[in-house]
Amino acid sequence: MSLNIRVAMGLGGVPPHDNPRAYEWEKKLRVPVLAAIVLALPAFYMTVLSGEPHLMRIGHALDAVVFLTFLTELLIMLAVTRQKQRYLAYNWLTLAITCPAPYRC
């Protein structure tokens, strides 16, 4: 069995032969998740590197948007996929993003 680089990176998507609704939802969620990924970088710079209180507040708000986007994606996908454990294994990065820092899974 060959190594699938997307699965190794935690970006495996819906496992093969899963519920057709899971594939539909995966397509619907691509744009919001991509937008959240794009927001993560400015959120980091505003929160950690700016030193300006108002930029830090904006950065924290962007962090919350990123977190909620990934959490929503995870909950929706777990609701529609039939292979929940395999989905989590294929998408471990989403799980890592949504696991709160003090309780890193």
PDB file of N, CA and C in Angstrom:
ATOM      1  N   MET A   1       0.851  -1.184   0.000  1.00  0.00           N
ATOM      2  CA  MET A   1       0.000   0.000   0.000  1.00  0.00           C
ATOM      3  C   MET A   1       0.891   1.240   0.000  1.00  0.00           C
ATOM      4  N   SER A   2       0.640   2.146  -0.912  1.00  0.00           N
ATOM      5  CA  SER A   2       1.465   3.342  -1.002  1.00  0.00           C
ATOM      6  C   SER A   2       0.967   4.411  -0.029  1.00  0.00           C
ATOM      7  N   LEU A   3       1.876   5.265   0.402  1.00  0.00           N
ATOM      8  CA  LEU A   3       1.549   6.346   1.326  1.00  0.00           C
ATOM      9  C   LEU A   3       0.833   7.454   0.575  1.00  0.00           C
ATOM     10  N   ASN A   4      -0.326   7.826   1.043  1.00  0.00           N
ATOM     11  CA  ASN A   4      -1.062   8.944   0.470  1.00  0.00           C
ATOM     12  C   ASN A   4      -0.618  10.200   1.204  1.00  0.00           C
ATOM     13  N   ILE A   5       0.030  11.117   0.500  1.00  0.00           N
ATOM     14  CA  ILE A   5       0.618  12.304   1.123  1.00  0.00           C
ATOM     15  C   ILE A   5      -0.455  13.191   1.758  1.00  0.00           C
ATOM     16  N   ARG A   6      -1.639  13.285   1.142  1.00  0.00           N
ATOM     17  CA  ARG A   6      -2.707  14.105   1.727  1.00  0.00           C
ATOM     18  C   ARG A   6      -3.156  13.550   3.071  1.00  0.00           C
ATOM     19  N   VAL A   7      -3.268  12.227   3.175  1.00  0.00           N
ATOM     20  CA  VAL A   7      -3.652  11.612   4.443  1.00  0.00           C
ATOM     21  C   VAL A   7      -2.546  11.825   5.470  1.00  0.00           C
ATOM     22  N   ALA A   8      -1.291  11.671   5.056  1.00  0.00           N
ATOM     23  CA  ALA A   8      -0.162  11.868   5.963  1.00  0.00           C
ATOM     24  C   ALA A   8      -0.132  13.300   6.512  1.00  0.00           C
ATOM     25  N   MET A   9      -0.556  14.260   5.698  1.00  0.00           N
ATOM     26  CA  MET A   9      -0.574  15.666   6.119  1.00  0.00           C
ATOM     27  C   MET A   9      -1.828  16.009   6.923  1.00  0.00           C
ATOM     28  N   GLY A  10      -2.759  15.073   7.053  1.00  0.00           N
ATOM     29  CA  GLY A  10      -3.993  15.337   7.784  1.00  0.00           C
ATOM     30  C   GLY A  10      -5.043  16.037   6.959  1.00  0.00           C
ATOM     31  N   LEU A  11      -4.907  15.959   5.627  1.00  0.00           N
ATOM     32  CA  LEU A  11      -5.831  16.621   4.708  1.00  0.00           C
ATOM     33  C   LEU A  11      -6.476  15.611   3.767  1.00  0.00           C
ATOM     34  N   GLY A  12      -6.829  14.451   4.299  1.00  0.00           N
ATOM     35  CA  GLY A  12      -7.282  13.345   3.470  1.00  0.00           C
ATOM     36  C   GLY A  12      -8.686  13.451   2.926  1.00  0.00           C
ATOM     37  N   GLY A  13      -9.515  14.298   3.504  1.00  0.00           N
ATOM     38  CA  GLY A  13     -10.888  14.412   3.019  1.00  0.00           C
ATOM     39  C   GLY A  13     -11.725  13.210   3.404  1.00  0.00           C
ATOM     40  N   VAL A  14     -12.785  13.000   2.654  1.00  0.00           N
ATOM     41  CA  VAL A  14     -13.713  11.902   2.913  1.00  0.00           C
ATOM     42  C   VAL A  14     -13.074  10.592   2.450  1.00  0.00           C
ATOM     43  N   PRO A  15     -13.118   9.565   3.274  1.00  0.00           N
ATOM     44  CA  PRO A  15     -12.550   8.272   2.883  1.00  0.00           C
ATOM     45  C   PRO A  15     -13.268   7.686   1.665  1.00  0.00           C
ATOM     46  N   PRO A  16     -12.595   6.826   0.922  1.00  0.00           N
ATOM     47  CA  PRO A  16     -13.226   6.198  -0.246  1.00  0.00           C
ATOM     48  C   PRO A  16     -14.468   5.400   0.144  1.00  0.00           C
ATOM     49  N   HIS A  17     -15.425   5.384  -0.765  1.00  0.00           N
ATOM     50  CA  HIS A  17     -16.648   4.581  -0.638  1.00  0.00           C
ATOM     51  C   HIS A  17     -17.507   5.000   0.552  1.00  0.00           C
ATOM     52  N   ASP A  18     -17.526   6.292   0.833  1.00  0.00           N
ATOM     53  CA  ASP A  18     -18.332   6.786   1.947  1.00  0.00           C
ATOM     54  C   ASP A  18     -19.676   7.285   1.424  1.00  0.00           C
ATOM     55  N   ASN A  19     -20.462   7.831   2.321  1.00  0.00           N
ATOM     56  CA  ASN A  19     -21.774   8.378   2.034  1.00  0.00           C
ATOM     57  C   ASN A  19     -21.666   9.494   0.982  1.00  0.00           C
ATOM     58  N   PRO A  20     -22.478   9.470  -0.078  1.00  0.00           N
ATOM     59  CA  PRO A  20     -22.437  10.542  -1.081  1.00  0.00           C
ATOM     60  C   PRO A  20     -22.677  11.931  -0.486  1.00  0.00           C
ATOM     61  N   ARG A  21     -23.496  12.002   0.572  1.00  0.00           N
ATOM     62  CA  ARG A  21     -23.721  13.300   1.228  1.00  0.00           C
ATOM     63  C   ARG A  21     -22.424  13.858   1.808  1.00  0.00           C
ATOM     64  N   ALA A  22     -21.538  12.990   2.262  1.00  0.00           N
ATOM     65  CA  ALA A  22     -20.259  13.450   2.815  1.00  0.00           C
ATOM     66  C   ALA A  22     -19.433  14.151   1.741  1.00  0.00           C
ATOM     67  N   TYR A  23     -19.448  13.606   0.535  1.00  0.00           N
ATOM     68  CA  TYR A  23     -18.712  14.241  -0.567  1.00  0.00           C
ATOM     69  C   TYR A  23     -19.336  15.582  -0.947  1.00  0.00           C
ATOM     70  N   GLU A  24     -20.670  15.657  -0.909  1.00  0.00           N
ATOM     71  CA  GLU A  24     -21.350  16.922  -1.207  1.00  0.00           C
ATOM     72  C   GLU A  24     -20.986  17.987  -0.177  1.00  0.00           C
ATOM     73  N   TRP A  25     -21.015  17.611   1.106  1.00  0.00           N
ATOM     74  CA  TRP A  25     -20.685  18.568   2.156  1.00  0.00           C
ATOM     75  C   TRP A  25     -19.215  18.982   2.097  1.00  0.00           C
ATOM     76  N   GLU A  26     -18.371  18.053   1.740  1.00  0.00           N
ATOM     77  CA  GLU A  26     -16.953  18.389   1.609  1.00  0.00           C
ATOM     78  C   GLU A  26     -16.770  19.503   0.573  1.00  0.00           C
ATOM     79  N   LYS A  27     -17.484  19.412  -0.538  1.00  0.00           N
ATOM     80  CA  LYS A  27     -17.403  20.451  -1.570  1.00  0.00           C
ATOM     81  C   LYS A  27     -17.976  21.773  -1.071  1.00  0.00           C
ATOM     82  N   LYS A  28     -19.112  21.715  -0.352  1.00  0.00           N
ATOM     83  CA  LYS A  28     -19.742  22.940   0.152  1.00  0.00           C
ATOM     84  C   LYS A  28     -18.855  23.668   1.154  1.00  0.00           C
ATOM     85  N   LEU A  29     -18.074  22.921   1.908  1.00  0.00           N
ATOM     86  CA  LEU A  29     -17.279  23.515   2.979  1.00  0.00           C
ATOM     87  C   LEU A  29     -15.893  23.968   2.533  1.00  0.00           C
ATOM     88  N   ARG A  30     -15.519  23.691   1.304  1.00  0.00           N
ATOM     89  CA  ARG A  30     -14.168  24.057   0.841  1.00  0.00           C
ATOM     90  C   ARG A  30     -13.885  25.549   0.940  1.00  0.00           C
ATOM     91  N   VAL A  31     -14.807  26.366   0.448  1.00  0.00           N
ATOM     92  CA  VAL A  31     -14.569  27.816   0.427  1.00  0.00           C
ATOM     93  C   VAL A  31     -14.495  28.393   1.843  1.00  0.00           C
ATOM     94  N   PRO A  32     -15.442  28.082   2.737  1.00  0.00           N
ATOM     95  CA  PRO A  32     -15.312  28.627   4.096  1.00  0.00           C
ATOM     96  C   PRO A  32     -14.033  28.171   4.804  1.00  0.00           C
ATOM     97  N   VAL A  33     -13.640  26.918   4.613  1.00  0.00           N
ATOM     98  CA  VAL A  33     -12.419  26.429   5.254  1.00  0.00           C
ATOM     99  C   VAL A  33     -11.195  27.107   4.643  1.00  0.00           C
ATOM    100  N   LEU A  34     -11.183  27.290   3.337  1.00  0.00           N
ATOM    101  CA  LEU A  34     -10.066  27.991   2.701  1.00  0.00           C
ATOM    102  C   LEU A  34      -9.979  29.431   3.206  1.00  0.00           C
ATOM    103  N   ALA A  35     -11.118  30.077   3.366  1.00  0.00           N
ATOM    104  CA  ALA A  35     -11.129  31.448   3.908  1.00  0.00           C
ATOM    105  C   ALA A  35     -10.565  31.468   5.330  1.00  0.00           C
ATOM    106  N   ALA A  36     -10.917  30.468   6.121  1.00  0.00           N
ATOM    107  CA  ALA A  36     -10.388  30.395   7.487  1.00  0.00           C
ATOM    108  C   ALA A  36      -8.884  30.197   7.477  1.00  0.00           C
ATOM    109  N   ILE A  37      -8.397  29.378   6.563  1.00  0.00           N
ATOM    110  CA  ILE A  37      -6.946  29.161   6.460  1.00  0.00           C
ATOM    111  C   ILE A  37      -6.240  30.465   6.121  1.00  0.00           C
ATOM    112  N   VAL A  38      -6.831  31.233   5.214  1.00  0.00           N
ATOM    113  CA  VAL A  38      -6.235  32.516   4.824  1.00  0.00           C
ATOM    114  C   VAL A  38      -6.247  33.492   6.000  1.00  0.00           C
ATOM    115  N   LEU A  39      -7.286  33.456   6.834  1.00  0.00           N
ATOM    116  CA  LEU A  39      -7.380  34.353   7.988  1.00  0.00           C
ATOM    117  C   LEU A  39      -6.413  33.981   9.114  1.00  0.00           C
ATOM    118  N   ALA A  40      -5.966  32.738   9.133  1.00  0.00           N
ATOM    119  CA  ALA A  40      -5.114  32.285  10.233  1.00  0.00           C
ATOM    120  C   ALA A  40      -3.787  33.052  10.289  1.00  0.00           C
ATOM    121  N   LEU A  41      -3.212  33.354   9.162  1.00  0.00           N
ATOM    122  CA  LEU A  41      -1.916  34.053   9.157  1.00  0.00           C
ATOM    123  C   LEU A  41      -2.013  35.477   9.706  1.00  0.00           C
ATOM    124  N   PRO A  42      -2.936  36.316   9.209  1.00  0.00           N
ATOM    125  CA  PRO A  42      -3.041  37.645   9.831  1.00  0.00           C
ATOM    126  C   PRO A  42      -3.462  37.568  11.302  1.00  0.00           C
ATOM    127  N   ALA A  43      -4.259  36.595  11.650  1.00  0.00           N
ATOM    128  CA  ALA A  43      -4.659  36.440  13.055  1.00  0.00           C
ATOM    129  C   ALA A  43      -3.431  36.202  13.922  1.00  0.00           C
ATOM    130  N   PHE A  44      -2.534  35.346  13.445  1.00  0.00           N
ATOM    131  CA  PHE A  44      -1.306  35.062  14.182  1.00  0.00           C
ATOM    132  C   PHE A  44      -0.462  36.329  14.350  1.00  0.00           C
ATOM    133  N   TYR A  45      -0.251  37.047  13.268  1.00  0.00           N
ATOM    134  CA  TYR A  45       0.583  38.247  13.340  1.00  0.00           C
ATOM    135  C   TYR A  45      -0.037  39.317  14.230  1.00  0.00           C
ATOM    136  N   MET A  46      -1.340  39.482  14.138  1.00  0.00           N
ATOM    137  CA  MET A  46      -1.987  40.493  14.973  1.00  0.00           C
ATOM    138  C   MET A  46      -1.963  40.102  16.448  1.00  0.00           C
ATOM    139  N   THR A  47      -2.172  38.846  16.731  1.00  0.00           N
ATOM    140  CA  THR A  47      -2.258  38.378  18.112  1.00  0.00           C
ATOM    141  C   THR A  47      -0.892  38.290  18.773  1.00  0.00           C
ATOM    142  N   VAL A  48       0.072  37.735  18.091  1.00  0.00           N
ATOM    143  CA  VAL A  48       1.348  37.417  18.719  1.00  0.00           C
ATOM    144  C   VAL A  48       2.414  38.483  18.480  1.00  0.00           C
ATOM    145  N   LEU A  49       2.459  39.036  17.299  1.00  0.00           N
ATOM    146  CA  LEU A  49       3.588  39.890  16.951  1.00  0.00           C
ATOM    147  C   LEU A  49       3.315  41.389  16.958  1.00  0.00           C
ATOM    148  N   SER A  50       2.059  41.803  16.960  1.00  0.00           N
ATOM    149  CA  SER A  50       1.784  43.228  16.792  1.00  0.00           C
ATOM    150  C   SER A  50       2.139  44.045  18.027  1.00  0.00           C
ATOM    151  N   GLY A  51       1.757  43.566  19.208  1.00  0.00           N
ATOM    152  CA  GLY A  51       1.998  44.336  20.421  1.00  0.00           C
ATOM    153  C   GLY A  51       1.002  45.460  20.624  1.00  0.00           C
ATOM    154  N   GLU A  52       0.168  45.721  19.644  1.00  0.00           N
ATOM    155  CA  GLU A  52      -0.860  46.755  19.739  1.00  0.00           C
ATOM    156  C   GLU A  52      -2.153  46.140  20.283  1.00  0.00           C
ATOM    157  N   PRO A  53      -2.704  46.690  21.367  1.00  0.00           N
ATOM    158  CA  PRO A  53      -3.904  46.092  21.972  1.00  0.00           C
ATOM    159  C   PRO A  53      -5.089  45.955  21.010  1.00  0.00           C
ATOM    160  N   HIS A  54      -5.337  46.980  20.200  1.00  0.00           N
ATOM    161  CA  HIS A  54      -6.492  46.892  19.291  1.00  0.00           C
ATOM    162  C   HIS A  54      -6.266  45.839  18.205  1.00  0.00           C
ATOM    163  N   LEU A  55      -5.035  45.692  17.728  1.00  0.00           N
ATOM    164  CA  LEU A  55      -4.737  44.646  16.746  1.00  0.00           C
ATOM    165  C   LEU A  55      -4.794  43.262  17.383  1.00  0.00           C
ATOM    166  N   MET A  56      -4.403  43.189  18.636  1.00  0.00           N
ATOM    167  CA  MET A  56      -4.482  41.908  19.339  1.00  0.00           C
ATOM    168  C   MET A  56      -5.934  41.461  19.495  1.00  0.00           C
ATOM    169  N   ARG A  57      -6.832  42.412  19.780  1.00  0.00           N
ATOM    170  CA  ARG A  57      -8.253  42.062  19.882  1.00  0.00           C
ATOM    171  C   ARG A  57      -8.790  41.572  18.543  1.00  0.00           C
ATOM    172  N   ILE A  58      -8.407  42.238  17.477  1.00  0.00           N
ATOM    173  CA  ILE A  58      -8.827  41.797  16.139  1.00  0.00           C
ATOM    174  C   ILE A  58      -8.261  40.410  15.843  1.00  0.00           C
ATOM    175  N   GLY A  59      -7.002  40.200  16.208  1.00  0.00           N
ATOM    176  CA  GLY A  59      -6.378  38.897  16.008  1.00  0.00           C
ATOM    177  C   GLY A  59      -7.088  37.790  16.767  1.00  0.00           C
ATOM    178  N   HIS A  60      -7.487  38.073  17.999  1.00  0.00           N
ATOM    179  CA  HIS A  60      -8.234  37.076  18.786  1.00  0.00           C
ATOM    180  C   HIS A  60      -9.597  36.790  18.152  1.00  0.00           C
ATOM    181  N   ALA A  61     -10.228  37.830  17.624  1.00  0.00           N
ATOM    182  CA  ALA A  61     -11.525  37.628  16.952  1.00  0.00           C
ATOM    183  C   ALA A  61     -11.338  36.765  15.700  1.00  0.00           C
ATOM    184  N   LEU A  62     -10.280  37.022  14.940  1.00  0.00           N
ATOM    185  CA  LEU A  62      -9.995  36.197  13.759  1.00  0.00           C
ATOM    186  C   LEU A  62      -9.675  34.762  14.161  1.00  0.00           C
ATOM    187  N   ASP A  63      -8.938  34.598  15.246  1.00  0.00           N
ATOM    188  CA  ASP A  63      -8.671  33.248  15.764  1.00  0.00           C
ATOM    189  C   ASP A  63      -9.973  32.512  16.066  1.00  0.00           C
ATOM    190  N   ALA A  64     -10.914  33.214  16.667  1.00  0.00           N
ATOM    191  CA  ALA A  64     -12.201  32.600  17.004  1.00  0.00           C
ATOM    192  C   ALA A  64     -12.956  32.188  15.738  1.00  0.00           C
ATOM    193  N   VAL A  65     -12.899  33.029  14.715  1.00  0.00           N
ATOM    194  CA  VAL A  65     -13.558  32.703  13.445  1.00  0.00           C
ATOM    195  C   VAL A  65     -12.921  31.448  12.828  1.00  0.00           C
ATOM    196  N   VAL A  66     -11.605  31.381  12.837  1.00  0.00           N
ATOM    197  CA  VAL A  66     -10.891  30.223  12.298  1.00  0.00           C
ATOM    198  C   VAL A  66     -11.282  28.966  13.072  1.00  0.00           C
ATOM    199  N   PHE A  67     -11.236  29.048  14.391  1.00  0.00           N
ATOM    200  CA  PHE A  67     -11.583  27.907  15.233  1.00  0.00           C
ATOM    201  C   PHE A  67     -13.008  27.437  14.979  1.00  0.00           C
ATOM    202  N   LEU A  68     -13.957  28.377  14.973  1.00  0.00           N
ATOM    203  CA  LEU A  68     -15.364  28.011  14.785  1.00  0.00           C
ATOM    204  C   LEU A  68     -15.620  27.423  13.401  1.00  0.00           C
ATOM    205  N   THR A  69     -14.900  27.908  12.407  1.00  0.00           N
ATOM    206  CA  THR A  69     -15.043  27.361  11.052  1.00  0.00           C
ATOM    207  C   THR A  69     -14.593  25.905  11.017  1.00  0.00           C
ATOM    208  N   PHE A  70     -13.423  25.630  11.592  1.00  0.00           N
ATOM    209  CA  PHE A  70     -12.924  24.256  11.602  1.00  0.00           C
ATOM    210  C   PHE A  70     -13.785  23.351  12.474  1.00  0.00           C
ATOM    211  N   LEU A  71     -14.261  23.858  13.598  1.00  0.00           N
ATOM    212  CA  LEU A  71     -15.126  23.060  14.462  1.00  0.00           C
ATOM    213  C   LEU A  71     -16.439  22.732  13.758  1.00  0.00           C
ATOM    214  N   THR A  72     -17.019  23.712  13.094  1.00  0.00           N
ATOM    215  CA  THR A  72     -18.258  23.492  12.348  1.00  0.00           C
ATOM    216  C   THR A  72     -18.054  22.465  11.251  1.00  0.00           C
ATOM    217  N   GLU A  73     -16.949  22.592  10.518  1.00  0.00           N
ATOM    218  CA  GLU A  73     -16.653  21.605   9.467  1.00  0.00           C
ATOM    219  C   GLU A  73     -16.550  20.202  10.067  1.00  0.00           C
ATOM    220  N   LEU A  74     -15.822  20.082  11.160  1.00  0.00           N
ATOM    221  CA  LEU A  74     -15.630  18.777  11.787  1.00  0.00           C
ATOM    222  C   LEU A  74     -16.961  18.173  12.232  1.00  0.00           C
ATOM    223  N   LEU A  75     -17.804  18.962  12.872  1.00  0.00           N
ATOM    224  CA  LEU A  75     -19.085  18.457  13.357  1.00  0.00           C
ATOM    225  C   LEU A  75     -20.012  18.059  12.211  1.00  0.00           C
ATOM    226  N   ILE A  76     -20.050  18.869  11.166  1.00  0.00           N
ATOM    227  CA  ILE A  76     -20.883  18.529  10.008  1.00  0.00           C
ATOM    228  C   ILE A  76     -20.383  17.247   9.354  1.00  0.00           C
ATOM    229  N   MET A  77     -19.087  17.157   9.143  1.00  0.00           N
ATOM    230  CA  MET A  77     -18.542  15.985   8.454  1.00  0.00           C
ATOM    231  C   MET A  77     -18.722  14.720   9.293  1.00  0.00           C
ATOM    232  N   LEU A  78     -18.590  14.828  10.600  1.00  0.00           N
ATOM    233  CA  LEU A  78     -18.816  13.651  11.441  1.00  0.00           C
ATOM    234  C   LEU A  78     -20.289  13.245  11.438  1.00  0.00           C
ATOM    235  N   ALA A  79     -21.173  14.200  11.194  1.00  0.00           N
ATOM    236  CA  ALA A  79     -22.597  13.879  11.130  1.00  0.00           C
ATOM    237  C   ALA A  79     -22.960  13.163   9.824  1.00  0.00           C
ATOM    238  N   VAL A  80     -22.250  13.453   8.738  1.00  0.00           N
ATOM    239  CA  VAL A  80     -22.639  12.894   7.436  1.00  0.00           C
ATOM    240  C   VAL A  80     -21.784  11.712   6.982  1.00  0.00           C
ATOM    241  N   THR A  81     -20.609  11.545   7.536  1.00  0.00           N
ATOM    242  CA  THR A  81     -19.770  10.431   7.099  1.00  0.00           C
ATOM    243  C   THR A  81     -20.157   9.143   7.819  1.00  0.00           C
ATOM    244  N   ARG A  82     -20.021   8.045   7.120  1.00  0.00           N
ATOM    245  CA  ARG A  82     -20.303   6.739   7.733  1.00  0.00           C
ATOM    246  C   ARG A  82     -19.070   6.189   8.433  1.00  0.00           C
ATOM    247  N   GLN A  83     -17.903   6.596   7.981  1.00  0.00           N
ATOM    248  CA  GLN A  83     -16.640   6.068   8.500  1.00  0.00           C
ATOM    249  C   GLN A  83     -15.994   7.107   9.417  1.00  0.00           C
ATOM    250  N   LYS A  84     -16.581   7.344  10.566  1.00  0.00           N
ATOM    251  CA  LYS A  84     -16.160   8.428  11.447  1.00  0.00           C
ATOM    252  C   LYS A  84     -14.708   8.290  11.916  1.00  0.00           C
ATOM    253  N   GLN A  85     -14.320   7.118  12.361  1.00  0.00           N
ATOM    254  CA  GLN A  85     -12.943   6.939  12.835  1.00  0.00           C
ATOM    255  C   GLN A  85     -11.941   7.109  11.698  1.00  0.00           C
ATOM    256  N   ARG A  86     -12.293   6.578  10.549  1.00  0.00           N
ATOM    257  CA  ARG A  86     -11.402   6.725   9.393  1.00  0.00           C
ATOM    258  C   ARG A  86     -11.333   8.191   8.956  1.00  0.00           C
ATOM    259  N   TYR A  87     -12.472   8.890   9.003  1.00  0.00           N
ATOM    260  CA  TYR A  87     -12.476  10.312   8.677  1.00  0.00           C
ATOM    261  C   TYR A  87     -11.541  11.084   9.609  1.00  0.00           C
ATOM    262  N   LEU A  88     -11.620  10.792  10.899  1.00  0.00           N
ATOM    263  CA  LEU A  88     -10.740  11.466  11.859  1.00  0.00           C
ATOM    264  C   LEU A  88      -9.275  11.138  11.601  1.00  0.00           C
ATOM    265  N   ALA A  89      -8.996   9.896  11.240  1.00  0.00           N
ATOM    266  CA  ALA A  89      -7.613   9.515  10.933  1.00  0.00           C
ATOM    267  C   ALA A  89      -7.124  10.222   9.672  1.00  0.00           C
ATOM    268  N   TYR A  90      -7.977  10.344   8.681  1.00  0.00           N
ATOM    269  CA  TYR A  90      -7.610  11.011   7.427  1.00  0.00           C
ATOM    270  C   TYR A  90      -7.451  12.521   7.623  1.00  0.00           C
ATOM    271  N   ASN A  91      -8.152  13.074   8.590  1.00  0.00           N
ATOM    272  CA  ASN A  91      -8.184  14.531   8.791  1.00  0.00           C
ATOM    273  C   ASN A  91      -7.732  14.904  10.200  1.00  0.00           C
ATOM    274  N   TRP A  92      -6.644  14.320  10.634  1.00  0.00           N
ATOM    275  CA  TRP A  92      -6.136  14.538  11.984  1.00  0.00           C
ATOM    276  C   TRP A  92      -5.769  16.005  12.212  1.00  0.00           C
ATOM    277  N   LEU A  93      -5.421  16.729  11.171  1.00  0.00           N
ATOM    278  CA  LEU A  93      -5.045  18.134  11.338  1.00  0.00           C
ATOM    279  C   LEU A  93      -6.239  18.975  11.802  1.00  0.00           C
ATOM    280  N   THR A  94      -7.412  18.717  11.257  1.00  0.00           N
ATOM    281  CA  THR A  94      -8.617  19.423  11.709  1.00  0.00           C
ATOM    282  C   THR A  94      -8.891  19.121  13.170  1.00  0.00           C
ATOM    283  N   LEU A  95      -8.703  17.879  13.549  1.00  0.00           N
ATOM    284  CA  LEU A  95      -8.890  17.496  14.943  1.00  0.00           C
ATOM    285  C   LEU A  95      -7.888  18.226  15.841  1.00  0.00           C
ATOM    286  N   ALA A  96      -6.648  18.343  15.396  1.00  0.00           N
ATOM    287  CA  ALA A  96      -5.624  19.046  16.176  1.00  0.00           C
ATOM    288  C   ALA A  96      -5.950  20.539  16.304  1.00  0.00           C
ATOM    289  N   ILE A  97      -6.481  21.128  15.253  1.00  0.00           N
ATOM    290  CA  ILE A  97      -6.833  22.551  15.281  1.00  0.00           C
ATOM    291  C   ILE A  97      -7.985  22.806  16.249  1.00  0.00           C
ATOM    292  N   THR A  98      -8.934  21.887  16.308  1.00  0.00           N
ATOM    293  CA  THR A  98     -10.112  22.106  17.134  1.00  0.00           C
ATOM    294  C   THR A  98      -9.972  21.620  18.571  1.00  0.00           C
ATOM    295  N   CYS A  99      -8.902  20.933  18.878  1.00  0.00           N
ATOM    296  CA  CYS A  99      -8.679  20.457  20.243  1.00  0.00           C
ATOM    297  C   CYS A  99      -8.101  21.628  21.060  1.00  0.00           C
ATOM    298  N   PRO A 100      -8.773  22.060  22.130  1.00  0.00           N
ATOM    299  CA  PRO A 100      -8.286  23.206  22.908  1.00  0.00           C
ATOM    300  C   PRO A 100      -6.873  23.003  23.424  1.00  0.00           C
ATOM    301  N   ALA A 101      -6.083  24.049  23.425  1.00  0.00           N
ATOM    302  CA  ALA A 101      -4.661  23.984  23.773  1.00  0.00           C
ATOM    303  C   ALA A 101      -4.373  23.318  25.122  1.00  0.00           C
ATOM    304  N   PRO A 102      -5.079  23.638  26.197  1.00  0.00           N
ATOM    305  CA  PRO A 102      -4.741  22.978  27.474  1.00  0.00           C
ATOM    306  C   PRO A 102      -5.045  21.479  27.469  1.00  0.00           C
ATOM    307  N   TYR A 103      -5.887  21.061  26.516  1.00  0.00           N
ATOM    308  CA  TYR A 103      -6.297  19.659  26.475  1.00  0.00           C
ATOM    309  C   TYR A 103      -5.839  18.990  25.194  1.00  0.00           C
ATOM    310  N   ARG A 104      -4.706  19.362  24.660  1.00  0.00           N
ATOM    311  CA  ARG A 104      -4.240  18.788  23.398  1.00  0.00           C
ATOM    312  C   ARG A 104      -4.388  17.288  23.415  1.00  0.00           C
ATOM    313  N   CYS A 105      -5.124  16.792  22.435  1.00  0.00           N
ATOM    314  CA  CYS A 105      -5.438  15.356  22.364  1.00  0.00           C
ATOM    315  C   CYS A 105      -4.227  14.532  21.938  1.00  0.00           C
TER     316      CYS A 105
END
